[in-house]
Amino acid sequence: MELLRKSGTQKEIGKIKSIHLSEPLDGICETTVLICYGQRIRAVVVRLEGVDGRWLCTALRMI
C-alpha cells in the first residue's frame, strides 16, 4: 500500500530513466531505478538475495 500511495495516480505511467546495479557480495544484488512521472523523478531501491537458486526480494522502497 505504501508503494501505491507514493507512486502517485494510476493514470500517470512512469518511464524508466536509469537502472543502476551493484553486487556487494556474491548472491546479493542491490538496484536503484529512477522513474520519471512527468516533471517528477522517483527512486525505487530493491535488494535481492539469492536463496535456493531463486531471487528473494528482501527490501523494496520508493523514495
N, C-alpha and C. Protein backbone atom coordinates (compact mmCIF):
# COMPACT_ATOMS: atom_id res chain seq x y z
N MET A 1 0.82 -1.19 0.00
CA MET A 1 0.00 0.00 0.00
C MET A 1 0.87 1.27 0.00
N GLU A 2 2.01 1.18 0.71
CA GLU A 2 2.91 2.34 0.76
C GLU A 2 3.43 2.69 -0.63
N LEU A 3 3.80 1.68 -1.42
CA LEU A 3 4.28 1.92 -2.78
C LEU A 3 3.20 2.55 -3.64
N LEU A 4 1.98 2.08 -3.52
CA LEU A 4 0.87 2.66 -4.29
C LEU A 4 0.65 4.12 -3.92
N ARG A 5 0.71 4.41 -2.64
CA ARG A 5 0.49 5.78 -2.17
C ARG A 5 1.59 6.72 -2.68
N LYS A 6 2.84 6.27 -2.65
CA LYS A 6 3.97 7.11 -3.05
C LYS A 6 4.11 7.25 -4.56
N SER A 7 3.57 6.30 -5.32
CA SER A 7 3.78 6.32 -6.77
C SER A 7 2.92 7.36 -7.48
N GLY A 8 1.88 7.85 -6.86
CA GLY A 8 1.04 8.87 -7.48
C GLY A 8 -0.21 8.25 -8.06
N THR A 9 -0.79 8.93 -9.05
CA THR A 9 -2.04 8.44 -9.63
C THR A 9 -1.77 7.28 -10.57
N GLN A 10 -2.76 6.45 -10.74
CA GLN A 10 -2.62 5.32 -11.65
C GLN A 10 -2.79 5.75 -13.10
N LYS A 11 -3.29 6.96 -13.34
CA LYS A 11 -3.46 7.46 -14.71
C LYS A 11 -2.11 7.79 -15.34
N GLU A 12 -1.15 8.17 -14.51
CA GLU A 12 0.16 8.57 -14.99
C GLU A 12 1.11 7.37 -14.94
N ILE A 13 1.64 6.98 -16.09
CA ILE A 13 2.54 5.84 -16.16
C ILE A 13 3.96 6.35 -16.14
N GLY A 14 4.76 5.82 -15.23
CA GLY A 14 6.15 6.24 -15.12
C GLY A 14 7.01 5.65 -16.24
N LYS A 15 8.07 6.37 -16.58
CA LYS A 15 9.02 5.90 -17.58
C LYS A 15 10.37 5.74 -16.90
N ILE A 16 11.02 4.60 -17.12
CA ILE A 16 12.31 4.34 -16.50
C ILE A 16 13.36 5.23 -17.13
N LYS A 17 14.06 5.99 -16.27
CA LYS A 17 15.12 6.87 -16.73
C LYS A 17 16.47 6.17 -16.68
N SER A 18 16.74 5.44 -15.60
CA SER A 18 18.01 4.71 -15.49
C SER A 18 17.89 3.59 -14.47
N ILE A 19 18.77 2.60 -14.62
CA ILE A 19 18.86 1.47 -13.70
C ILE A 19 20.32 1.31 -13.31
N HIS A 20 20.58 1.24 -12.02
CA HIS A 20 21.94 1.04 -11.51
C HIS A 20 21.96 -0.25 -10.69
N LEU A 21 22.87 -1.15 -11.04
CA LEU A 21 23.00 -2.43 -10.34
C LEU A 21 24.34 -2.49 -9.62
N SER A 22 24.35 -3.11 -8.46
CA SER A 22 25.60 -3.40 -7.77
C SER A 22 25.47 -4.75 -7.09
N GLU A 23 26.59 -5.42 -6.95
CA GLU A 23 26.63 -6.73 -6.31
C GLU A 23 27.66 -6.66 -5.18
N PRO A 24 27.24 -6.18 -3.98
CA PRO A 24 28.20 -6.00 -2.89
C PRO A 24 28.80 -7.31 -2.39
N LEU A 25 28.05 -8.40 -2.45
CA LEU A 25 28.52 -9.73 -2.07
C LEU A 25 27.97 -10.73 -3.06
N ASP A 26 28.60 -11.88 -3.13
CA ASP A 26 28.12 -12.93 -4.02
C ASP A 26 26.70 -13.35 -3.61
N GLY A 27 25.78 -13.34 -4.56
CA GLY A 27 24.40 -13.74 -4.28
C GLY A 27 23.52 -12.62 -3.78
N ILE A 28 24.02 -11.37 -3.77
CA ILE A 28 23.23 -10.22 -3.35
C ILE A 28 23.29 -9.16 -4.45
N CYS A 29 22.12 -8.66 -4.84
CA CYS A 29 22.04 -7.63 -5.88
C CYS A 29 21.25 -6.45 -5.31
N GLU A 30 21.85 -5.26 -5.38
CA GLU A 30 21.16 -4.05 -4.97
C GLU A 30 20.96 -3.18 -6.20
N THR A 31 19.75 -2.71 -6.38
CA THR A 31 19.38 -1.99 -7.60
C THR A 31 18.66 -0.69 -7.25
N THR A 32 18.98 0.35 -8.00
CA THR A 32 18.27 1.62 -7.91
C THR A 32 17.70 1.93 -9.28
N VAL A 33 16.41 2.19 -9.34
CA VAL A 33 15.72 2.51 -10.59
C VAL A 33 15.15 3.91 -10.46
N LEU A 34 15.51 4.80 -11.39
CA LEU A 34 14.94 6.14 -11.41
C LEU A 34 13.78 6.15 -12.39
N ILE A 35 12.62 6.62 -11.92
CA ILE A 35 11.40 6.62 -12.72
C ILE A 35 10.88 8.04 -12.83
N CYS A 36 10.59 8.48 -14.06
CA CYS A 36 10.05 9.82 -14.31
C CYS A 36 8.54 9.74 -14.37
N TYR A 37 7.88 10.60 -13.59
CA TYR A 37 6.43 10.80 -13.64
C TYR A 37 6.22 12.25 -14.03
N GLY A 38 6.17 12.53 -15.32
CA GLY A 38 6.06 13.91 -15.79
C GLY A 38 7.31 14.68 -15.40
N GLN A 39 7.17 15.73 -14.59
CA GLN A 39 8.30 16.53 -14.12
C GLN A 39 8.96 15.96 -12.87
N ARG A 40 8.33 14.98 -12.26
CA ARG A 40 8.81 14.42 -11.00
C ARG A 40 9.63 13.15 -11.25
N ILE A 41 10.71 12.97 -10.50
CA ILE A 41 11.54 11.75 -10.59
C ILE A 41 11.48 11.06 -9.24
N ARG A 42 11.21 9.76 -9.26
CA ARG A 42 11.19 8.95 -8.04
C ARG A 42 12.25 7.87 -8.15
N ALA A 43 12.77 7.45 -7.02
CA ALA A 43 13.76 6.37 -6.98
C ALA A 43 13.13 5.15 -6.31
N VAL A 44 13.34 4.00 -6.90
CA VAL A 44 12.92 2.73 -6.30
C VAL A 44 14.18 1.94 -6.03
N VAL A 45 14.36 1.53 -4.78
CA VAL A 45 15.53 0.74 -4.42
C VAL A 45 15.08 -0.67 -4.08
N VAL A 46 15.84 -1.64 -4.57
CA VAL A 46 15.48 -3.05 -4.40
C VAL A 46 16.72 -3.82 -3.97
N ARG A 47 16.57 -4.70 -3.00
CA ARG A 47 17.65 -5.61 -2.61
C ARG A 47 17.16 -7.03 -2.84
N LEU A 48 17.91 -7.78 -3.63
CA LEU A 48 17.58 -9.16 -3.94
C LEU A 48 18.68 -10.06 -3.41
N GLU A 49 18.28 -11.20 -2.84
CA GLU A 49 19.25 -12.16 -2.32
C GLU A 49 18.98 -13.51 -2.96
N GLY A 50 20.04 -14.18 -3.39
CA GLY A 50 19.91 -15.50 -3.99
C GLY A 50 19.71 -16.55 -2.91
N VAL A 51 18.57 -17.25 -2.96
CA VAL A 51 18.24 -18.29 -1.99
C VAL A 51 17.73 -19.51 -2.74
N ASP A 52 18.40 -20.63 -2.60
CA ASP A 52 17.98 -21.90 -3.23
C ASP A 52 17.77 -21.77 -4.74
N GLY A 53 18.68 -21.07 -5.42
CA GLY A 53 18.58 -20.93 -6.87
C GLY A 53 17.52 -19.95 -7.34
N ARG A 54 16.94 -19.17 -6.43
CA ARG A 54 15.93 -18.18 -6.79
C ARG A 54 16.32 -16.85 -6.17
N TRP A 55 15.76 -15.75 -6.74
CA TRP A 55 15.98 -14.43 -6.17
C TRP A 55 14.84 -14.10 -5.21
N LEU A 56 15.21 -13.66 -4.01
CA LEU A 56 14.24 -13.27 -2.98
C LEU A 56 14.39 -11.78 -2.73
N CYS A 57 13.30 -11.04 -2.89
CA CYS A 57 13.32 -9.60 -2.65
C CYS A 57 13.23 -9.38 -1.13
N THR A 58 14.30 -8.82 -0.55
CA THR A 58 14.33 -8.60 0.89
C THR A 58 14.08 -7.15 1.27
N ALA A 59 14.14 -6.24 0.31
CA ALA A 59 13.85 -4.83 0.57
C ALA A 59 13.34 -4.17 -0.71
N LEU A 60 12.31 -3.34 -0.57
CA LEU A 60 11.74 -2.64 -1.70
C LEU A 60 11.19 -1.31 -1.17
N ARG A 61 11.76 -0.21 -1.64
CA ARG A 61 11.35 1.12 -1.16
C ARG A 61 11.23 2.08 -2.32
N MET A 62 10.27 2.99 -2.25
CA MET A 62 10.18 4.09 -3.19
C MET A 62 10.47 5.36 -2.42
N ILE A 63 11.42 6.12 -2.93
CA ILE A 63 11.87 7.34 -2.26
C ILE A 63 11.37 8.54 -3.04
